[in-house]
Amino acid sequence: MMRFCIPDAEDLSVIAGMYRDAVGSAGCVWSEDYPTLEDAANDFQRGDLFCLKDDSGIPVAAISVDDDMTTDSFSCWTQHLRPWAEFCRVVVRSDLRGRGLAPFMVRQLNEELIRRGLRGVHYCVAKENVPAQRAYEKTGFRLRGEAFVYGGQYLLFEKPLPQIRKAESRDIPYVARIYRELTEGEESARRVTGWIAGVYPTESTARAALDADELYVLEEDGEVLSAMRINRVQDPAYAQASWHFPAPDGQVLVMHTLVVSPRGKGRGYGARMEAYFEQCAREQNASVLRIDTNARNAFARGFYRRLGFREAGVVPCSFNGIPDVHLVCLEKAL
């Protein structure tokens, strides 16, 4: 099992050795003069050097974050993605190349940059380095331009990072659109949620959450692709569940109406929203998370199970105007 982490000081020589071994490989424009142990040490001192370690704790790949004033000034970058960072000095041990380790590191580092509050990332790839270009395209980077820099011709790639924030009034049409996408999919049998178009959820559902200051959205590159409501309000049906983690109301935080647009399917947004839900619970000193879903929604039940939730019961009820619902109550202790 590979572990993505910040290296130890004694790992720097191993990482520098990987730099040297990469010189002369397909597409690589590095030389004996760059990158070096000094580059690795500088990145390490800034807290901007990361690596993958194998089961024995030996680094097998590395990636750095840089703030290059030269590339930062290029006009091709999308300005609303500030603050941003630049990936650099990506290396994989020679015997492990071609196994997807570079894209894996990129995805892991994206999570770190999101935690740092950044909105976008850049990567400059030598034009002849086709393997690196393909690796970054697989992780959602898009080509923004080309420039002569570092003594050669480079392609300039960019990727927006998703941001979770409190919703604003301007977000309501987008959240309502996601609700429609999902309920219309229900009607056409493309997906099963147990919701009913025009009944729940609707635009008024989103507005009520916004008015209560409880609506959160995930935005990527200016587009809202996921939403949820977080508060301490438990549906009356919860009283009939057999909770394994009983807790007073003040210790329970509840997530309602988690939605992800079909346009954002497969990008991990649902898991990212749930992680934010957990973060909110810790910040609000809650020890138990609770959510619910319709028993018909097999996808949601499996999704929450994979995230560590357990089902505390299935309660027959009327739910938000929808009759004959079998409500699955789920819980997770922090």
Protein backbone atom coordinates (compact mmCIF):
# COMPACT_ATOMS: atom_id res chain seq x y z
CA MET A 1 0.00 0.00 0.00
CA MET A 2 1.48 3.34 -1.08
CA ARG A 3 1.30 6.17 1.44
CA PHE A 4 1.22 9.83 0.36
CA CYS A 5 2.99 12.00 2.93
CA ILE A 6 5.54 14.68 3.70
CA PRO A 7 9.00 13.05 3.57
CA ASP A 8 11.46 12.95 6.44
CA ALA A 9 14.79 14.78 6.18
CA GLU A 10 16.62 11.49 5.62
CA ASP A 11 14.43 10.83 2.56
CA LEU A 12 15.81 13.79 0.63
CA SER A 13 18.83 11.93 -0.74
CA VAL A 14 16.54 9.18 -2.04
CA ILE A 15 14.36 11.74 -3.80
CA ALA A 16 17.42 13.46 -5.26
CA GLY A 17 18.54 10.06 -6.51
CA MET A 18 15.25 9.65 -8.35
CA TYR A 19 15.81 13.07 -9.95
CA ARG A 20 19.21 11.92 -11.25
CA ASP A 21 17.84 8.59 -12.51
CA ALA A 22 15.14 10.39 -14.50
CA VAL A 23 17.69 12.36 -16.55
CA GLY A 24 17.70 11.02 -20.10
CA SER A 25 14.39 9.14 -19.80
CA ALA A 26 11.67 9.57 -22.43
CA GLY A 27 10.49 13.18 -22.61
CA CYS A 28 12.54 14.31 -19.60
CA VAL A 29 14.41 17.62 -20.07
CA TRP A 30 16.16 17.56 -16.69
CA SER A 31 19.95 17.60 -16.42
CA GLU A 32 22.62 16.85 -13.84
CA ASP A 33 22.25 20.47 -12.72
CA TYR A 34 18.48 20.40 -12.18
CA PRO A 35 16.74 19.29 -10.09
CA THR A 36 19.19 18.53 -7.30
CA LEU A 37 19.33 17.68 -3.62
CA GLU A 38 19.31 21.42 -2.93
CA ASP A 39 16.00 21.80 -4.75
CA ALA A 40 14.52 18.96 -2.72
CA ALA A 41 15.86 20.49 0.51
CA ASN A 42 14.38 23.92 -0.31
CA ASP A 43 11.00 22.39 -1.07
CA PHE A 44 11.19 20.38 2.15
CA GLN A 45 12.01 23.42 4.27
CA ARG A 46 8.98 25.28 2.88
CA GLY A 47 6.72 22.31 3.58
CA ASP A 48 6.06 21.94 -0.14
CA LEU A 49 7.67 18.56 -0.86
CA PHE A 50 5.51 15.43 -0.84
CA CYS A 51 6.20 11.80 -1.65
CA LEU A 52 4.78 8.33 -1.99
CA LYS A 53 6.32 5.71 0.28
CA ASP A 54 6.12 1.96 -0.18
CA ASP A 55 5.37 -0.57 2.56
CA SER A 56 8.96 -0.35 3.80
CA GLY A 57 8.80 3.44 4.15
CA ILE A 58 11.05 4.18 1.18
CA PRO A 59 10.07 7.07 -1.16
CA VAL A 60 9.21 5.79 -4.64
CA ALA A 61 7.82 9.03 -6.09
CA ALA A 62 7.81 12.74 -5.25
CA ILE A 63 6.08 15.97 -6.19
CA SER A 64 6.60 19.60 -5.15
CA VAL A 65 4.58 22.80 -4.99
CA ASP A 66 6.24 26.00 -6.15
CA ASP A 67 5.42 29.68 -6.48
CA ASP A 68 7.25 30.77 -9.64
CA MET A 69 6.93 34.50 -10.36
CA THR A 70 7.82 33.97 -14.03
CA THR A 71 5.08 31.47 -14.81
CA ASP A 72 2.68 33.18 -12.41
CA SER A 73 2.67 36.25 -14.66
CA PHE A 74 1.50 34.43 -17.80
CA SER A 75 -1.72 35.97 -19.11
CA CYS A 76 -3.26 32.62 -20.10
CA TRP A 77 -4.20 31.64 -16.54
CA THR A 78 -7.81 31.97 -15.39
CA GLN A 79 -7.64 34.88 -12.95
CA HIS A 80 -10.61 33.92 -10.78
CA LEU A 81 -8.69 30.78 -9.76
CA ARG A 82 -6.39 32.84 -7.53
CA PRO A 83 -4.90 31.96 -5.12
CA TRP A 84 -3.18 29.17 -7.01
CA ALA A 85 -0.02 27.09 -6.92
CA GLU A 86 2.21 25.31 -9.39
CA PHE A 87 3.14 21.63 -9.40
CA CYS A 88 6.76 20.88 -10.23
CA ARG A 89 9.56 18.32 -9.94
CA VAL A 90 7.30 15.30 -10.35
CA VAL A 91 9.30 12.07 -10.37
CA VAL A 92 8.58 8.35 -10.13
CA ARG A 93 11.18 5.66 -9.52
CA SER A 94 12.25 4.15 -12.84
CA ASP A 95 10.93 0.63 -12.17
CA LEU A 96 7.48 1.94 -11.22
CA ARG A 97 6.81 4.32 -14.10
CA GLY A 98 3.67 3.79 -16.13
CA ARG A 99 1.66 2.50 -13.17
CA GLY A 100 -0.36 5.65 -12.50
CA LEU A 101 1.63 6.87 -9.52
CA ALA A 102 2.04 10.41 -10.87
CA PRO A 103 -1.72 10.95 -11.38
CA PHE A 104 -2.31 9.44 -7.94
CA MET A 105 0.08 11.94 -6.34
CA VAL A 106 -1.58 14.79 -8.21
CA ARG A 107 -4.99 13.81 -6.87
CA GLN A 108 -3.64 13.52 -3.33
CA LEU A 109 -1.87 16.86 -3.55
CA ASN A 110 -5.03 18.48 -4.88
CA GLU A 111 -6.66 17.56 -1.56
CA GLU A 112 -3.84 19.23 0.36
CA LEU A 113 -4.10 22.40 -1.71
CA ILE A 114 -7.86 22.53 -1.17
CA ARG A 115 -7.20 22.38 2.58
CA ARG A 116 -4.81 25.30 2.12
CA GLY A 117 -7.63 27.31 0.55
CA LEU A 118 -6.24 27.41 -2.99
CA ARG A 119 -8.57 27.65 -5.98
CA GLY A 120 -6.39 26.39 -8.83
CA VAL A 121 -3.14 24.69 -9.82
CA HIS A 122 -0.78 25.02 -12.78
CA TYR A 123 1.76 22.74 -14.36
CA CYS A 124 4.30 23.58 -17.05
CA VAL A 125 5.25 20.55 -19.16
CA ALA A 126 8.09 20.42 -21.70
CA LYS A 127 6.51 20.13 -25.13
CA GLU A 128 8.40 16.92 -25.86
CA ASN A 129 7.35 15.30 -22.58
CA VAL A 130 4.30 13.49 -23.91
CA PRO A 131 4.02 11.00 -21.00
CA ALA A 132 3.70 13.86 -18.50
CA GLN A 133 1.12 15.62 -20.66
CA ARG A 134 -1.03 12.49 -20.76
CA ALA A 135 -0.72 11.99 -17.02
CA TYR A 136 -1.98 15.49 -16.27
CA GLU A 137 -4.79 15.36 -18.79
CA LYS A 138 -6.05 12.24 -17.01
CA THR A 139 -6.40 14.20 -13.77
CA GLY A 140 -8.45 17.04 -15.24
CA PHE A 141 -5.79 19.54 -16.30
CA ARG A 142 -6.56 21.51 -19.44
CA LEU A 143 -4.16 23.13 -21.85
CA ARG A 144 -4.17 26.92 -21.51
CA GLY A 145 -1.24 28.02 -23.65
CA GLU A 146 2.38 27.62 -24.65
CA ALA A 147 5.48 29.62 -23.76
CA PHE A 148 9.25 29.65 -24.04
CA VAL A 149 10.51 29.33 -20.47
CA TYR A 150 13.29 27.50 -18.60
CA GLY A 151 15.27 27.49 -21.84
CA GLY A 152 12.69 25.51 -23.82
CA GLN A 153 9.15 25.36 -25.17
CA TYR A 154 6.58 24.42 -22.55
CA LEU A 155 2.85 23.66 -22.57
CA LEU A 156 0.89 25.38 -19.81
CA PHE A 157 -1.76 23.32 -18.04
CA GLU A 158 -4.32 24.46 -15.47
CA LYS A 159 -6.87 22.82 -13.21
CA PRO A 160 -9.54 24.47 -11.05
CA LEU A 161 -9.94 23.07 -7.53
CA PRO A 162 -13.43 22.56 -6.13
CA GLN A 163 -14.40 24.79 -3.21
CA ILE A 164 -17.08 24.15 -0.58
CA ARG A 165 -18.62 27.28 0.89
CA LYS A 166 -21.77 28.73 2.38
CA ALA A 167 -24.33 29.28 -0.35
CA GLU A 168 -25.37 32.72 -1.55
CA SER A 169 -28.61 33.85 -3.19
CA ARG A 170 -26.95 33.67 -6.62
CA ASP A 171 -26.51 29.92 -6.12
CA ILE A 172 -30.19 29.08 -5.75
CA PRO A 173 -30.96 28.65 -9.49
CA TYR A 174 -28.02 26.26 -9.79
CA VAL A 175 -29.02 24.20 -6.76
CA ALA A 176 -32.61 24.06 -8.02
CA ARG A 177 -31.28 22.89 -11.37
CA ILE A 178 -29.52 19.97 -9.70
CA TYR A 179 -32.75 19.06 -7.90
CA ARG A 180 -34.57 19.06 -11.26
CA GLU A 181 -31.86 16.99 -12.91
CA LEU A 182 -32.20 14.33 -10.25
CA THR A 183 -35.99 14.25 -9.99
CA GLU A 184 -36.41 14.26 -13.77
CA GLY A 185 -33.97 11.37 -13.87
CA GLU A 186 -36.20 9.61 -11.34
CA GLU A 187 -39.22 10.05 -13.61
CA SER A 188 -37.35 8.69 -16.63
CA ALA A 189 -35.94 5.76 -14.59
CA ARG A 190 -32.35 6.90 -15.17
CA ARG A 191 -31.77 6.94 -11.41
CA VAL A 192 -33.65 6.11 -8.21
CA THR A 193 -33.77 8.64 -5.37
CA GLY A 194 -37.31 8.26 -4.06
CA TRP A 195 -37.88 12.00 -4.61
CA ILE A 196 -40.76 13.48 -6.60
CA ALA A 197 -40.42 16.39 -9.06
CA GLY A 198 -42.30 19.45 -7.86
CA VAL A 199 -42.73 18.01 -4.35
CA TYR A 200 -39.26 17.53 -2.89
CA PRO A 201 -36.65 18.84 -3.27
CA THR A 202 -37.58 22.07 -5.04
CA GLU A 203 -36.26 25.60 -5.32
CA SER A 204 -38.17 26.46 -2.13
CA THR A 205 -36.19 23.68 -0.39
CA ALA A 206 -32.96 25.44 -1.31
CA ARG A 207 -34.30 28.89 -0.38
CA ALA A 208 -35.42 27.70 3.06
CA ALA A 209 -31.94 26.28 3.70
CA LEU A 210 -30.34 29.51 2.49
CA ASP A 211 -32.60 31.66 4.67
CA ALA A 212 -31.59 29.56 7.67
CA ASP A 213 -27.90 30.00 6.74
CA GLU A 214 -27.58 26.21 6.49
CA LEU A 215 -27.00 25.66 2.77
CA TYR A 216 -23.56 24.69 1.46
CA VAL A 217 -22.43 24.30 -2.12
CA LEU A 218 -19.44 22.86 -3.93
CA GLU A 219 -18.26 25.10 -6.75
CA GLU A 220 -15.68 24.24 -9.38
CA ASP A 221 -14.53 26.72 -11.99
CA GLY A 222 -17.56 28.95 -11.37
CA GLU A 223 -20.14 26.14 -11.56
CA VAL A 224 -22.15 24.79 -8.60
CA LEU A 225 -22.07 20.99 -8.82
CA SER A 226 -23.16 19.82 -5.37
CA ALA A 227 -25.19 21.05 -2.41
CA MET A 228 -26.28 20.01 1.07
CA ARG A 229 -27.96 21.39 4.16
CA ILE A 230 -26.35 21.01 7.60
CA ASN A 231 -28.07 21.65 10.93
CA ARG A 232 -29.13 19.93 14.16
CA VAL A 233 -32.73 19.27 13.10
CA GLN A 234 -33.67 15.58 13.22
CA ASP A 235 -36.72 14.33 11.34
CA PRO A 236 -39.47 13.02 13.67
CA ALA A 237 -38.94 9.57 12.12
CA TYR A 238 -35.50 9.48 13.73
CA ALA A 239 -37.17 8.85 17.11
CA GLN A 240 -38.11 5.36 15.87
CA ALA A 241 -34.59 4.37 14.81
CA SER A 242 -32.45 2.05 16.92
CA TRP A 243 -29.41 4.28 17.26
CA HIS A 244 -26.19 2.52 18.15
CA PHE A 245 -24.64 5.87 19.09
CA PRO A 246 -27.27 7.63 21.22
CA ALA A 247 -26.46 11.24 21.94
CA PRO A 248 -28.21 14.38 23.20
CA ASP A 249 -29.48 16.71 20.49
CA GLY A 250 -26.63 19.13 21.08
CA GLN A 251 -24.11 16.43 20.18
CA VAL A 252 -25.76 15.47 16.87
CA LEU A 253 -25.22 17.14 13.50
CA VAL A 254 -27.47 16.25 10.57
CA MET A 255 -26.89 16.47 6.83
CA HIS A 256 -29.95 16.86 4.59
CA THR A 257 -30.52 16.70 0.85
CA LEU A 258 -27.00 15.96 -0.33
CA VAL A 259 -27.06 16.25 -4.12
CA VAL A 260 -24.43 16.00 -6.83
CA SER A 261 -25.18 17.11 -10.37
CA PRO A 262 -24.97 14.41 -13.05
CA ARG A 263 -22.47 16.80 -14.67
CA GLY A 264 -20.15 16.19 -11.72
CA LYS A 265 -20.63 12.43 -11.53
CA GLY A 266 -17.59 10.33 -10.75
CA ARG A 267 -15.40 13.15 -9.42
CA GLY A 268 -15.67 12.32 -5.72
CA TYR A 269 -17.79 15.37 -4.88
CA GLY A 270 -20.20 13.43 -2.66
CA ALA A 271 -17.34 12.13 -0.53
CA ARG A 272 -15.83 15.62 -0.40
CA MET A 273 -19.12 17.06 0.87
CA GLU A 274 -19.38 14.35 3.52
CA ALA A 275 -15.83 15.09 4.66
CA TYR A 276 -16.78 18.76 4.98
CA PHE A 277 -19.84 17.68 6.99
CA GLU A 278 -17.49 15.86 9.38
CA GLN A 279 -15.28 18.93 9.59
CA CYS A 280 -18.28 21.08 10.52
CA ALA A 281 -19.25 18.57 13.21
CA ARG A 282 -15.83 18.73 14.80
CA GLU A 283 -15.84 22.52 14.69
CA GLN A 284 -19.27 22.54 16.37
CA ASN A 285 -18.26 19.95 19.00
CA ALA A 286 -20.72 17.35 17.70
CA SER A 287 -19.81 13.71 18.29
CA VAL A 288 -22.41 11.97 16.13
CA LEU A 289 -23.38 12.43 12.48
CA ARG A 290 -26.84 11.48 11.22
CA ILE A 291 -28.33 11.37 7.74
CA ASP A 292 -31.19 9.64 6.00
CA THR A 293 -32.10 8.34 2.57
CA ASN A 294 -34.96 6.53 0.87
CA ALA A 295 -34.76 2.73 1.10
CA ARG A 296 -35.22 2.66 -2.68
CA ASN A 297 -31.98 4.58 -3.18
CA ALA A 298 -29.56 1.65 -3.28
CA PHE A 299 -26.73 3.83 -4.58
CA ALA A 300 -26.94 6.24 -1.62
CA ARG A 301 -27.11 3.39 0.89
CA GLY A 302 -23.96 1.84 -0.53
CA PHE A 303 -22.24 5.22 -0.75
CA TYR A 304 -22.85 6.04 2.90
CA ARG A 305 -21.83 2.54 3.96
CA ARG A 306 -18.48 2.99 2.23
CA LEU A 307 -18.01 6.25 4.13
CA GLY A 308 -18.40 4.48 7.47
CA PHE A 309 -22.09 5.08 8.24
CA ARG A 310 -24.23 2.32 9.72
CA GLU A 311 -27.96 1.89 9.24
CA ALA A 312 -29.90 2.33 12.48
CA GLY A 313 -33.26 1.34 11.08
CA VAL A 314 -35.79 1.74 8.27
CA VAL A 315 -38.82 3.79 9.37
CA PRO A 316 -42.10 3.96 7.38
CA CYS A 317 -43.24 7.57 7.23
CA SER A 318 -44.36 10.52 5.13
CA PHE A 319 -41.25 12.54 4.28
CA ASN A 320 -41.32 16.16 3.10
CA GLY A 321 -44.67 15.68 1.38
CA ILE A 322 -43.75 12.31 -0.14
CA PRO A 323 -46.08 9.54 1.14
CA ASP A 324 -45.20 5.92 1.90
CA VAL A 325 -41.48 6.45 2.34
CA HIS A 326 -39.29 3.86 4.01
CA LEU A 327 -36.69 6.17 5.53
CA VAL A 328 -33.25 4.69 6.17
CA CYS A 329 -31.65 6.37 9.20
CA LEU A 330 -27.86 6.30 9.24
CA GLU A 331 -25.27 7.31 11.82
CA LYS A 332 -21.55 7.69 12.31
CA ALA A 333 -19.60 8.46 15.46
CA LEU A 334 -16.60 10.79 15.34
